Amino acid sequence: MRQHHRFLATAACGGLFAFCQPAAAQSTLDAVKAQGFVQCGSVERPGLAKADDKGQWSGLEVEMCRAIAVAVFGPTGRFAYHEYGSDKDFDAARQGTDQVSFVTFSEMAAQSLTDKLLPGPTVFLESHDLLVAADSPARGPADLSGKGICFMNESPANESVDAWFEDRHIPIIRHGYQEDGEMYDGYAVQNCQAVAGESTTLAEAALDGGINHLRSRLLPEHLSIFPIVAATPIKSDSQWAAIVAWTIDTLKNADAKESRYHANGLRAMPVDGAGLGLAPDWQMQVVKTVGSYSLAFQRSLGDRSPFDLPTGLNAAPAEGGSLFVAHKD
């Protein structure tokens, strides 16, 4: 359910000819508190943000939105979530109605949001991958030389397929489609030996199996990698952008392991709540309520979810991943 709220401020001037002093703009944090919930939005992606038949949202990005609500309101903090399913839906990000937007840079460019949103921390490293039959001899994209690859015409995945194989001078047979359903049906009957798309979308497709109940697996080598970031409205203030950024980094740091040189957990990067307008124990409340980033990942995409995806790119560098974590040196 989409909810849009407009915040209005008025000021009175004393005296007939008195000069009016501009009223101090309400901070985003104060506006959110007055609203009673944090509003977030994103494109729908399996395991990241998707609504069930009852309209209940779940996924890693939804967990991040929930964490921000806990940071602001405490353990019972409320949030609203909606989909950017059309150009019009992006108006909530464009006009600043959404306090947090989980977007890719391609989405920002396509929707002319580069002057409307401030990119924040990465919440997930998405990738364009290839899905092949479980019994396929292919162990990497290069093994598909001369084989058919399905993709949606003029999609970002289409561009990634072209770039990866053309850069390496590896010939493939291209099967472009206009409809998702037709593409997956073509793959299910093996008109093509692989299908290209976002890793999360392909992981969901693998669970379905299609018309032939084809068992499938993702190739581990990525065609391309791109971040999904937590962006805030440019017209909002730096305090709000900091709250969003530090909340997500708090979840990441909750996974930090203690070593001789680095503190663990919340001690890896303590953030003063008073300076942000939050409770002194806000970080503890966030982690106690939502858990760490890795736990949220496991529930949404990992071994506690139907997808059973490895953390992979979305582990900290110390764990072999590429997801940056802010912590003290």
C-alpha atoms as a PDB file:
ATOM      1  CA  MET A   1       0.000   0.000   0.000  1.00  0.00           C
ATOM      2  CA  ARG A   2       1.505   3.323  -0.990  1.00  0.00           C
ATOM      3  CA  GLN A   3       1.241   6.176   1.457  1.00  0.00           C
ATOM      4  CA  HIS A   4       2.194   9.732   0.572  1.00  0.00           C
ATOM      5  CA  HIS A   5       2.389  12.522   3.114  1.00  0.00           C
ATOM      6  CA  ARG A   6       3.104  16.213   2.652  1.00  0.00           C
ATOM      7  CA  PHE A   7       4.651  18.254   5.417  1.00  0.00           C
ATOM      8  CA  LEU A   8       3.682  21.953   5.582  1.00  0.00           C
ATOM      9  CA  ALA A   9       5.174  24.627   7.778  1.00  0.00           C
ATOM     10  CA  THR A  10       3.701  28.069   8.424  1.00  0.00           C
ATOM     11  CA  ALA A  11       5.031  31.133  10.166  1.00  0.00           C
ATOM     12  CA  ALA A  12       3.357  34.363  11.296  1.00  0.00           C
ATOM     13  CA  CYS A  13       4.897  37.825  11.067  1.00  0.00           C
ATOM     14  CA  GLY A  14       4.401  40.428  13.760  1.00  0.00           C
ATOM     15  CA  GLY A  15       3.593  44.022  12.810  1.00  0.00           C
ATOM     16  CA  LEU A  16       2.212  45.425   9.590  1.00  0.00           C
ATOM     17  CA  PHE A  17       5.583  46.357   8.114  1.00  0.00           C
ATOM     18  CA  ALA A  18       7.777  43.972  10.072  1.00  0.00           C
ATOM     19  CA  PHE A  19      10.202  41.862   8.128  1.00  0.00           C
ATOM     20  CA  CYS A  20       9.410  38.155   8.266  1.00  0.00           C
ATOM     21  CA  GLN A  21      12.201  35.937   9.418  1.00  0.00           C
ATOM     22  CA  PRO A  22      12.107  32.550   7.612  1.00  0.00           C
ATOM     23  CA  ALA A  23      10.992  29.802   9.930  1.00  0.00           C
ATOM     24  CA  ALA A  24      13.588  27.190  10.688  1.00  0.00           C
ATOM     25  CA  ALA A  25      12.976  24.218   8.442  1.00  0.00           C
ATOM     26  CA  GLN A  26      11.744  21.141  10.225  1.00  0.00           C
ATOM     27  CA  SER A  27      14.434  18.481  10.333  1.00  0.00           C
ATOM     28  CA  THR A  28      13.760  15.233   8.524  1.00  0.00           C
ATOM     29  CA  LEU A  29      14.087  13.364  11.814  1.00  0.00           C
ATOM     30  CA  ASP A  30      11.409  15.566  13.404  1.00  0.00           C
ATOM     31  CA  ALA A  31       9.185  15.111  10.345  1.00  0.00           C
ATOM     32  CA  VAL A  32       9.583  11.334  10.516  1.00  0.00           C
ATOM     33  CA  LYS A  33       8.759  11.339  14.224  1.00  0.00           C
ATOM     34  CA  ALA A  34       5.659  13.440  13.574  1.00  0.00           C
ATOM     35  CA  GLN A  35       4.666  11.069  10.777  1.00  0.00           C
ATOM     36  CA  GLY A  36       5.041   8.094  13.114  1.00  0.00           C
ATOM     37  CA  PHE A  37       6.910   5.813  10.739  1.00  0.00           C
ATOM     38  CA  VAL A  38       9.775   5.637   8.236  1.00  0.00           C
ATOM     39  CA  GLN A  39       8.746   5.345   4.589  1.00  0.00           C
ATOM     40  CA  CYS A  40      10.932   3.350   2.185  1.00  0.00           C
ATOM     41  CA  GLY A  41      10.666   2.221  -1.411  1.00  0.00           C
ATOM     42  CA  SER A  42      12.473   0.140  -4.013  1.00  0.00           C
ATOM     43  CA  VAL A  43      12.090  -1.920  -7.139  1.00  0.00           C
ATOM     44  CA  GLU A  44      10.722  -5.350  -6.247  1.00  0.00           C
ATOM     45  CA  ARG A  45      13.443  -8.014  -6.171  1.00  0.00           C
ATOM     46  CA  PRO A  46      13.194 -11.551  -4.724  1.00  0.00           C
ATOM     47  CA  GLY A  47      14.898 -11.794  -1.349  1.00  0.00           C
ATOM     48  CA  LEU A  48      15.520  -8.057  -1.245  1.00  0.00           C
ATOM     49  CA  ALA A  49      12.033  -6.570  -1.255  1.00  0.00           C
ATOM     50  CA  LYS A  50       8.896  -8.409  -2.249  1.00  0.00           C
ATOM     51  CA  ALA A  51       5.301  -8.403  -1.050  1.00  0.00           C
ATOM     52  CA  ASP A  52       3.346 -11.591  -0.439  1.00  0.00           C
ATOM     53  CA  ASP A  53      -0.293 -12.195  -1.349  1.00  0.00           C
ATOM     54  CA  LYS A  54      -1.374 -10.311   1.776  1.00  0.00           C
ATOM     55  CA  GLY A  55       0.759  -7.287   0.964  1.00  0.00           C
ATOM     56  CA  GLN A  56       3.341  -8.048   3.642  1.00  0.00           C
ATOM     57  CA  TRP A  57       6.839  -7.009   2.600  1.00  0.00           C
ATOM     58  CA  SER A  58       9.978  -8.999   3.356  1.00  0.00           C
ATOM     59  CA  GLY A  59      13.578  -9.119   2.211  1.00  0.00           C
ATOM     60  CA  LEU A  60      16.987  -7.682   3.006  1.00  0.00           C
ATOM     61  CA  GLU A  61      16.103  -4.123   2.010  1.00  0.00           C
ATOM     62  CA  VAL A  62      12.947  -4.341   4.094  1.00  0.00           C
ATOM     63  CA  GLU A  63      15.103  -5.434   7.048  1.00  0.00           C
ATOM     64  CA  MET A  64      17.273  -2.335   6.505  1.00  0.00           C
ATOM     65  CA  CYS A  65      14.183  -0.107   6.510  1.00  0.00           C
ATOM     66  CA  ARG A  66      13.016  -1.781   9.701  1.00  0.00           C
ATOM     67  CA  ALA A  67      16.418  -1.169  11.307  1.00  0.00           C
ATOM     68  CA  ILE A  68      16.193   2.549  10.506  1.00  0.00           C
ATOM     69  CA  ALA A  69      12.735   2.640  12.094  1.00  0.00           C
ATOM     70  CA  VAL A  70      14.148   0.999  15.231  1.00  0.00           C
ATOM     71  CA  ALA A  71      16.983   3.541  15.319  1.00  0.00           C
ATOM     72  CA  VAL A  72      14.447   6.378  15.266  1.00  0.00           C
ATOM     73  CA  PHE A  73      11.579   5.004  17.360  1.00  0.00           C
ATOM     74  CA  GLY A  74      13.005   2.095  19.332  1.00  0.00           C
ATOM     75  CA  PRO A  75      12.148  -1.636  19.130  1.00  0.00           C
ATOM     76  CA  THR A  76       8.492  -1.001  18.251  1.00  0.00           C
ATOM     77  CA  GLY A  77       9.356   1.415  15.450  1.00  0.00           C
ATOM     78  CA  ARG A  78       7.008   1.343  12.459  1.00  0.00           C
ATOM     79  CA  PHE A  79       7.789   1.614   8.764  1.00  0.00           C
ATOM     80  CA  ALA A  80       5.926   1.597   5.452  1.00  0.00           C
ATOM     81  CA  TYR A  81       7.249   0.026   2.276  1.00  0.00           C
ATOM     82  CA  HIS A  82       6.155   0.266  -1.340  1.00  0.00           C
ATOM     83  CA  GLU A  83       7.320  -0.730  -4.798  1.00  0.00           C
ATOM     84  CA  TYR A  84       8.762   1.373  -7.584  1.00  0.00           C
ATOM     85  CA  GLY A  85       6.848  -0.574 -10.196  1.00  0.00           C
ATOM     86  CA  SER A  86       6.355   2.274 -12.655  1.00  0.00           C
ATOM     87  CA  ASP A  87       7.807   5.666 -13.523  1.00  0.00           C
ATOM     88  CA  LYS A  88       5.026   7.292 -11.495  1.00  0.00           C
ATOM     89  CA  ASP A  89       5.917   5.222  -8.424  1.00  0.00           C
ATOM     90  CA  PHE A  90       9.374   6.814  -8.471  1.00  0.00           C
ATOM     91  CA  ASP A  91       7.694  10.166  -7.767  1.00  0.00           C
ATOM     92  CA  ALA A  92       7.845   9.259  -4.075  1.00  0.00           C
ATOM     93  CA  ALA A  93      11.646   9.259  -4.373  1.00  0.00           C
ATOM     94  CA  ARG A  94      11.664  12.228  -6.751  1.00  0.00           C
ATOM     95  CA  GLN A  95       9.555  14.409  -4.458  1.00  0.00           C
ATOM     96  CA  GLY A  96      11.191  13.275  -1.221  1.00  0.00           C
ATOM     97  CA  THR A  97       8.093  11.565   0.173  1.00  0.00           C
ATOM     98  CA  ASP A  98      10.159   8.444   0.744  1.00  0.00           C
ATOM     99  CA  GLN A  99      12.743   9.010   3.439  1.00  0.00           C
ATOM    100  CA  VAL A 100      14.852   6.100   2.139  1.00  0.00           C
ATOM    101  CA  SER A 101      15.078   4.691  -1.389  1.00  0.00           C
ATOM    102  CA  PHE A 102      16.950   1.477  -2.143  1.00  0.00           C
ATOM    103  CA  VAL A 103      18.137   1.990  -5.709  1.00  0.00           C
ATOM    104  CA  THR A 104      20.855   1.167  -8.213  1.00  0.00           C
ATOM    105  CA  PHE A 105      22.764   3.900  -9.999  1.00  0.00           C
ATOM    106  CA  SER A 106      21.196   2.769 -13.276  1.00  0.00           C
ATOM    107  CA  GLU A 107      17.746   3.318 -11.758  1.00  0.00           C
ATOM    108  CA  MET A 108      18.798   6.754 -10.528  1.00  0.00           C
ATOM    109  CA  ALA A 109      20.011   7.708 -14.009  1.00  0.00           C
ATOM    110  CA  ALA A 110      17.012   6.244 -15.847  1.00  0.00           C
ATOM    111  CA  GLN A 111      14.580   8.063 -13.546  1.00  0.00           C
ATOM    112  CA  SER A 112      16.528  11.370 -13.519  1.00  0.00           C
ATOM    113  CA  LEU A 113      17.092  11.091  -9.776  1.00  0.00           C
ATOM    114  CA  THR A 114      20.764  12.052  -9.668  1.00  0.00           C
ATOM    115  CA  ASP A 115      19.838  15.560  -8.500  1.00  0.00           C
ATOM    116  CA  LYS A 116      17.089  14.290  -6.197  1.00  0.00           C
ATOM    117  CA  LEU A 117      18.767  11.514  -4.199  1.00  0.00           C
ATOM    118  CA  LEU A 118      21.988  11.361  -2.197  1.00  0.00           C
ATOM    119  CA  PRO A 119      23.599   7.905  -2.532  1.00  0.00           C
ATOM    120  CA  GLY A 120      24.321   6.320   0.826  1.00  0.00           C
ATOM    121  CA  PRO A 121      25.832   3.033   1.978  1.00  0.00           C
ATOM    122  CA  THR A 122      25.652  -0.117  -0.104  1.00  0.00           C
ATOM    123  CA  VAL A 123      23.061  -2.538   1.243  1.00  0.00           C
ATOM    124  CA  PHE A 124      23.569  -5.278  -1.346  1.00  0.00           C
ATOM    125  CA  LEU A 125      25.921  -6.059  -4.205  1.00  0.00           C
ATOM    126  CA  GLU A 126      23.683  -7.359  -6.974  1.00  0.00           C
ATOM    127  CA  SER A 127      25.091  -9.077 -10.055  1.00  0.00           C
ATOM    128  CA  HIS A 128      24.142 -10.214 -13.516  1.00  0.00           C
ATOM    129  CA  ASP A 129      24.651 -13.959 -13.598  1.00  0.00           C
ATOM    130  CA  LEU A 130      23.895 -17.015 -15.688  1.00  0.00           C
ATOM    131  CA  LEU A 131      21.522 -19.821 -14.717  1.00  0.00           C
ATOM    132  CA  VAL A 132      22.254 -23.245 -16.221  1.00  0.00           C
ATOM    133  CA  ALA A 133      20.784 -26.714 -15.852  1.00  0.00           C
ATOM    134  CA  ALA A 134      22.045 -28.583 -12.798  1.00  0.00           C
ATOM    135  CA  ASP A 135      23.631 -31.244 -15.008  1.00  0.00           C
ATOM    136  CA  SER A 136      25.245 -28.741 -17.396  1.00  0.00           C
ATOM    137  CA  PRO A 137      28.990 -29.293 -17.885  1.00  0.00           C
ATOM    138  CA  ALA A 138      29.512 -25.500 -17.756  1.00  0.00           C
ATOM    139  CA  ARG A 139      31.496 -24.313 -14.747  1.00  0.00           C
ATOM    140  CA  GLY A 140      31.825 -20.726 -15.908  1.00  0.00           C
ATOM    141  CA  PRO A 141      30.509 -18.392 -18.634  1.00  0.00           C
ATOM    142  CA  ALA A 142      33.433 -19.233 -20.939  1.00  0.00           C
ATOM    143  CA  ASP A 143      32.219 -22.840 -21.077  1.00  0.00           C
ATOM    144  CA  LEU A 144      29.117 -21.624 -22.933  1.00  0.00           C
ATOM    145  CA  SER A 145      31.063 -20.877 -26.115  1.00  0.00           C
ATOM    146  CA  GLY A 146      28.797 -21.591 -29.082  1.00  0.00           C
ATOM    147  CA  LYS A 147      25.788 -22.183 -26.810  1.00  0.00           C
ATOM    148  CA  GLY A 148      22.481 -20.351 -26.624  1.00  0.00           C
ATOM    149  CA  ILE A 149      21.886 -17.717 -23.942  1.00  0.00           C
ATOM    150  CA  CYS A 150      18.436 -16.278 -23.208  1.00  0.00           C
ATOM    151  CA  PHE A 151      17.934 -12.706 -22.004  1.00  0.00           C
ATOM    152  CA  MET A 152      15.394  -9.899 -22.069  1.00  0.00           C
ATOM    153  CA  ASN A 153      15.950  -7.608 -25.041  1.00  0.00           C
ATOM    154  CA  GLU A 154      17.464  -4.186 -24.257  1.00  0.00           C
ATOM    155  CA  SER A 155      17.736  -5.011 -20.562  1.00  0.00           C
ATOM    156  CA  PRO A 156      20.796  -4.365 -18.373  1.00  0.00           C
ATOM    157  CA  ALA A 157      21.386  -8.140 -18.378  1.00  0.00           C
ATOM    158  CA  ASN A 158      21.395  -8.035 -22.196  1.00  0.00           C
ATOM    159  CA  GLU A 159      24.138  -5.387 -22.030  1.00  0.00           C
ATOM    160  CA  SER A 160      26.147  -7.447 -19.540  1.00  0.00           C
ATOM    161  CA  VAL A 161      25.951 -10.540 -21.758  1.00  0.00           C
ATOM    162  CA  ASP A 162      27.117  -8.572 -24.792  1.00  0.00           C
ATOM    163  CA  ALA A 163      29.947  -6.879 -22.902  1.00  0.00           C
ATOM    164  CA  TRP A 164      31.273 -10.017 -21.181  1.00  0.00           C
ATOM    165  CA  PHE A 165      31.337 -12.292 -24.226  1.00  0.00           C
ATOM    166  CA  GLU A 166      32.387  -9.663 -26.774  1.00  0.00           C
ATOM    167  CA  ASP A 167      35.285  -8.498 -24.580  1.00  0.00           C
ATOM    168  CA  ARG A 168      36.571 -12.072 -24.534  1.00  0.00           C
ATOM    169  CA  HIS A 169      35.762 -12.821 -28.187  1.00  0.00           C
ATOM    170  CA  ILE A 170      33.672 -15.826 -27.147  1.00  0.00           C
ATOM    171  CA  PRO A 171      30.881 -16.638 -29.638  1.00  0.00           C
ATOM    172  CA  ILE A 172      27.396 -17.360 -28.323  1.00  0.00           C
ATOM    173  CA  ILE A 173      23.931 -17.746 -29.807  1.00  0.00           C
ATOM    174  CA  ARG A 174      21.745 -14.898 -28.568  1.00  0.00           C
ATOM    175  CA  HIS A 175      18.084 -15.516 -27.763  1.00  0.00           C
ATOM    176  CA  GLY A 176      16.375 -12.201 -26.997  1.00  0.00           C
ATOM    177  CA  TYR A 177      12.850 -12.069 -25.554  1.00  0.00           C
ATOM    178  CA  GLN A 178      10.238  -9.417 -24.860  1.00  0.00           C
ATOM    179  CA  GLU A 179       8.415 -11.293 -22.066  1.00  0.00           C
ATOM    180  CA  ASP A 180       9.840 -12.894 -18.918  1.00  0.00           C
ATOM    181  CA  GLY A 181       7.506 -15.867 -19.090  1.00  0.00           C
ATOM    182  CA  GLU A 182       8.452 -16.697 -22.664  1.00  0.00           C
ATOM    183  CA  MET A 183      12.138 -16.402 -21.827  1.00  0.00           C
ATOM    184  CA  TYR A 184      11.965 -18.831 -18.903  1.00  0.00           C
ATOM    185  CA  ASP A 185       9.822 -21.241 -20.923  1.00  0.00           C
ATOM    186  CA  GLY A 186      12.456 -21.168 -23.661  1.00  0.00           C
ATOM    187  CA  TYR A 187      15.140 -21.943 -21.107  1.00  0.00           C
ATOM    188  CA  ALA A 188      13.067 -24.680 -19.440  1.00  0.00           C
ATOM    189  CA  VAL A 189      12.843 -26.597 -22.730  1.00  0.00           C
ATOM    190  CA  GLN A 190      16.526 -25.823 -23.363  1.00  0.00           C
ATOM    191  CA  ASN A 191      16.089 -23.690 -26.463  1.00  0.00           C
ATOM    192  CA  CYS A 192      19.004 -21.940 -24.802  1.00  0.00           C
ATOM    193  CA  GLN A 193      21.520 -23.487 -22.437  1.00  0.00           C
ATOM    194  CA  ALA A 194      21.627 -20.539 -20.028  1.00  0.00           C
ATOM    195  CA  VAL A 195      19.483 -17.590 -19.025  1.00  0.00           C
ATOM    196  CA  ALA A 196      20.923 -14.242 -17.935  1.00  0.00           C
ATOM    197  CA  GLY A 197      19.502 -11.950 -15.282  1.00  0.00           C
ATOM    198  CA  GLU A 198      19.954 -10.542 -11.801  1.00  0.00           C
ATOM    199  CA  SER A 199      21.180 -13.105  -9.290  1.00  0.00           C
ATOM    200  CA  THR A 200      18.154 -12.716  -7.015  1.00  0.00           C
ATOM    201  CA  THR A 201      15.671 -13.087  -9.886  1.00  0.00           C
ATOM    202  CA  LEU A 202      17.495 -16.142 -11.225  1.00  0.00           C
ATOM    203  CA  ALA A 203      17.585 -17.686  -7.745  1.00  0.00           C
ATOM    204  CA  GLU A 204      13.799 -17.434  -7.593  1.00  0.00           C
ATOM    205  CA  ALA A 205      13.480 -18.881 -11.115  1.00  0.00           C
ATOM    206  CA  ALA A 206      15.637 -21.846 -10.086  1.00  0.00           C
ATOM    207  CA  LEU A 207      13.139 -22.691  -7.333  1.00  0.00           C
ATOM    208  CA  ASP A 208      10.289 -22.842  -9.833  1.00  0.00           C
ATOM    209  CA  GLY A 209      11.831 -25.113 -12.456  1.00  0.00           C
ATOM    210  CA  GLY A 210       9.430 -23.982 -15.159  1.00  0.00           C
ATOM    211  CA  ILE A 211       7.260 -26.116 -17.414  1.00  0.00           C
ATOM    212  CA  ASN A 212       9.763 -28.992 -17.406  1.00  0.00           C
ATOM    213  CA  HIS A 213      10.636 -28.731 -13.685  1.00  0.00           C
ATOM    214  CA  LEU A 214      14.236 -28.203 -14.767  1.00  0.00           C
ATOM    215  CA  ARG A 215      16.728 -28.265 -11.908  1.00  0.00           C
ATOM    216  CA  SER A 216      19.151 -25.361 -12.224  1.00  0.00           C
ATOM    217  CA  ARG A 217      22.143 -23.694 -10.596  1.00  0.00           C
ATOM    218  CA  LEU A 218      23.856 -20.322 -10.813  1.00  0.00           C
ATOM    219  CA  LEU A 219      27.326 -20.123 -12.296  1.00  0.00           C
ATOM    220  CA  PRO A 220      29.648 -18.615  -9.657  1.00  0.00           C
ATOM    221  CA  GLU A 221      31.386 -16.144 -11.996  1.00  0.00           C
ATOM    222  CA  HIS A 222      29.485 -12.882 -12.442  1.00  0.00           C
ATOM    223  CA  LEU A 223      28.959 -11.073 -15.732  1.00  0.00           C
ATOM    224  CA  SER A 224      28.786  -7.738 -13.907  1.00  0.00           C
ATOM    225  CA  ILE A 225      28.408  -6.426 -10.363  1.00  0.00           C
ATOM    226  CA  PHE A 226      26.530  -3.325  -9.224  1.00  0.00           C
ATOM    227  CA  PRO A 227      25.521  -1.902  -5.830  1.00  0.00           C
ATOM    228  CA  ILE A 228      22.087  -1.213  -4.429  1.00  0.00           C
ATOM    229  CA  VAL A 229      22.414   1.755  -2.086  1.00  0.00           C
ATOM    230  CA  ALA A 230      20.292   3.356   0.599  1.00  0.00           C
ATOM    231  CA  ALA A 231      19.660   6.835  -0.810  1.00  0.00           C
ATOM    232  CA  THR A 232      18.092   9.789   0.974  1.00  0.00           C
ATOM    233  CA  PRO A 233      16.392  12.867  -0.514  1.00  0.00           C
ATOM    234  CA  ILE A 234      18.861  15.631  -1.346  1.00  0.00           C
ATOM    235  CA  LYS A 235      16.366  18.154   0.031  1.00  0.00           C
ATOM    236  CA  SER A 236      16.554  16.466   3.443  1.00  0.00           C
ATOM    237  CA  ASP A 237      19.346  17.241   5.896  1.00  0.00           C
ATOM    238  CA  SER A 238      22.732  15.740   6.677  1.00  0.00           C
ATOM    239  CA  GLN A 239      21.503  14.509  10.059  1.00  0.00           C
ATOM    240  CA  TRP A 240      19.027  12.167   8.371  1.00  0.00           C
ATOM    241  CA  ALA A 241      21.564  10.941   5.827  1.00  0.00           C
ATOM    242  CA  ALA A 242      23.932  10.182   8.720  1.00  0.00           C
ATOM    243  CA  ILE A 243      21.244   8.259  10.632  1.00  0.00           C
ATOM    244  CA  VAL A 244      20.553   6.059   7.605  1.00  0.00           C
ATOM    245  CA  ALA A 245      24.243   5.460   6.908  1.00  0.00           C
ATOM    246  CA  TRP A 246      25.236   4.711  10.498  1.00  0.00           C
ATOM    247  CA  THR A 247      22.260   2.399  11.015  1.00  0.00           C
ATOM    248  CA  ILE A 248      23.264   0.197   8.094  1.00  0.00           C
ATOM    249  CA  ASP A 249      26.919   0.263   9.116  1.00  0.00           C
ATOM    250  CA  THR A 250      25.860  -0.726  12.637  1.00  0.00           C
ATOM    251  CA  LEU A 251      24.274  -3.904  11.248  1.00  0.00           C
ATOM    252  CA  LYS A 252      27.425  -4.655   9.265  1.00  0.00           C
ATOM    253  CA  ASN A 253      29.721  -4.006  12.215  1.00  0.00           C
ATOM    254  CA  ALA A 254      27.648  -6.316  14.400  1.00  0.00           C
ATOM    255  CA  ASP A 255      29.314  -9.122  12.424  1.00  0.00           C
ATOM    256  CA  ALA A 256      32.837  -7.859  13.106  1.00  0.00           C
ATOM    257  CA  LYS A 257      35.096 -10.361  14.833  1.00  0.00           C
ATOM    258  CA  GLU A 258      37.514  -9.277  17.505  1.00  0.00           C
ATOM    259  CA  SER A 259      41.204  -9.462  16.732  1.00  0.00           C
ATOM    260  CA  ARG A 260      44.411  -8.182  18.232  1.00  0.00           C
ATOM    261  CA  TYR A 261      43.996  -4.958  16.279  1.00  0.00           C
ATOM    262  CA  HIS A 262      40.233  -4.519  15.890  1.00  0.00           C
ATOM    263  CA  ALA A 263      37.291  -4.416  18.293  1.00  0.00           C
ATOM    264  CA  ASN A 264      34.281  -6.607  17.675  1.00  0.00           C
ATOM    265  CA  GLY A 265      30.591  -5.925  17.254  1.00  0.00           C
ATOM    266  CA  LEU A 266      29.313  -2.491  18.214  1.00  0.00           C
ATOM    267  CA  ARG A 267      32.698  -1.549  19.664  1.00  0.00           C
ATOM    268  CA  ALA A 268      34.053  -1.604  16.097  1.00  0.00           C
ATOM    269  CA  MET A 269      32.349   1.732  15.388  1.00  0.00           C
ATOM    270  CA  PRO A 270      30.391   3.274  18.274  1.00  0.00           C
ATOM    271  CA  VAL A 271      28.206   6.189  17.148  1.00  0.00           C
ATOM    272  CA  ASP A 272      26.999   8.885  19.557  1.00  0.00           C
ATOM    273  CA  GLY A 273      23.210   8.829  19.605  1.00  0.00           C
ATOM    274  CA  ALA A 274      22.792  12.242  21.212  1.00  0.00           C
ATOM    275  CA  GLY A 275      24.549  13.968  18.334  1.00  0.00           C
ATOM    276  CA  LEU A 276      22.130  12.342  15.894  1.00  0.00           C
ATOM    277  CA  GLY A 277      18.999  12.953  17.940  1.00  0.00           C
ATOM    278  CA  LEU A 278      18.711   9.263  18.837  1.00  0.00           C
ATOM    279  CA  ALA A 279      18.623   7.342  22.114  1.00  0.00           C
ATOM    280  CA  PRO A 280      21.994   6.672  23.789  1.00  0.00           C
ATOM    281  CA  ASP A 281      21.589   2.920  23.280  1.00  0.00           C
ATOM    282  CA  TRP A 282      20.176   3.140  19.751  1.00  0.00           C
ATOM    283  CA  GLN A 283      22.798   0.830  18.236  1.00  0.00           C
ATOM    284  CA  MET A 284      22.133  -1.849  20.830  1.00  0.00           C
ATOM    285  CA  GLN A 285      18.392  -1.611  20.173  1.00  0.00           C
ATOM    286  CA  VAL A 286      18.898  -1.970  16.411  1.00  0.00           C
ATOM    287  CA  VAL A 287      21.067  -5.071  16.710  1.00  0.00           C
ATOM    288  CA  LYS A 288      18.913  -6.623  19.435  1.00  0.00           C
ATOM    289  CA  THR A 289      15.761  -6.147  17.341  1.00  0.00           C
ATOM    290  CA  VAL A 290      16.982  -6.820  13.791  1.00  0.00           C
ATOM    291  CA  GLY A 291      20.218  -8.724  14.319  1.00  0.00           C
ATOM    292  CA  SER A 292      23.400  -8.313  12.320  1.00  0.00           C
ATOM    293  CA  TYR A 293      23.669  -7.836   8.562  1.00  0.00           C
ATOM    294  CA  SER A 294      24.656 -11.472   8.060  1.00  0.00           C
ATOM    295  CA  LEU A 295      21.621 -12.685  10.021  1.00  0.00           C
ATOM    296  CA  ALA A 296      19.338 -10.452   7.955  1.00  0.00           C
ATOM    297  CA  PHE A 297      20.996 -11.838   4.816  1.00  0.00           C
ATOM    298  CA  GLN A 298      20.509 -15.431   5.962  1.00  0.00           C
ATOM    299  CA  ARG A 299      16.813 -14.833   6.654  1.00  0.00           C
ATOM    300  CA  SER A 300      16.243 -13.079   3.339  1.00  0.00           C
ATOM    301  CA  LEU A 301      18.553 -14.795   0.853  1.00  0.00           C
ATOM    302  CA  GLY A 302      20.797 -17.266   2.638  1.00  0.00           C
ATOM    303  CA  ASP A 303      20.485 -20.643   4.295  1.00  0.00           C
ATOM    304  CA  ARG A 304      17.431 -19.604   6.334  1.00  0.00           C
ATOM    305  CA  SER A 305      15.550 -18.668   3.166  1.00  0.00           C
ATOM    306  CA  PRO A 306      14.265 -20.715   0.222  1.00  0.00           C
ATOM    307  CA  PHE A 307      17.037 -19.289  -1.985  1.00  0.00           C
ATOM    308  CA  ASP A 308      19.990 -20.629   0.038  1.00  0.00           C
ATOM    309  CA  LEU A 309      22.432 -18.231  -1.630  1.00  0.00           C
ATOM    310  CA  PRO A 310      25.981 -17.877  -0.286  1.00  0.00           C
ATOM    311  CA  THR A 311      26.930 -14.521   1.207  1.00  0.00           C
ATOM    312  CA  GLY A 312      29.595 -14.246  -1.492  1.00  0.00           C
ATOM    313  CA  LEU A 313      30.141 -10.649  -2.560  1.00  0.00           C
ATOM    314  CA  ASN A 314      28.062  -9.442   0.379  1.00  0.00           C
ATOM    315  CA  ALA A 315      30.490 -10.584   3.028  1.00  0.00           C
ATOM    316  CA  ALA A 316      32.975  -8.167   4.550  1.00  0.00           C
ATOM    317  CA  PRO A 317      36.423  -8.030   2.891  1.00  0.00           C
ATOM    318  CA  ALA A 318      37.885  -9.860   5.893  1.00  0.00           C
ATOM    319  CA  GLU A 319      35.503 -12.722   5.091  1.00  0.00           C
ATOM    320  CA  GLY A 320      36.342 -12.799   1.386  1.00  0.00           C
ATOM    321  CA  GLY A 321      33.566 -10.475   0.229  1.00  0.00           C
ATOM    322  CA  SER A 322      33.415  -6.962  -1.167  1.00  0.00           C
ATOM    323  CA  LEU A 323      30.898  -5.237   1.116  1.00  0.00           C
ATOM    324  CA  PHE A 324      32.693  -2.308   2.724  1.00  0.00           C
ATOM    325  CA  VAL A 325      32.228  -1.792   6.452  1.00  0.00           C
ATOM    326  CA  ALA A 326      33.086   1.451   8.249  1.00  0.00           C
ATOM    327  CA  HIS A 327      35.084   0.794  11.406  1.00  0.00           C
ATOM    328  CA  LYS A 328      37.873   2.283  13.465  1.00  0.00           C
ATOM    329  CA  ASP A 329      41.419   1.619  12.255  1.00  0.00           C
END
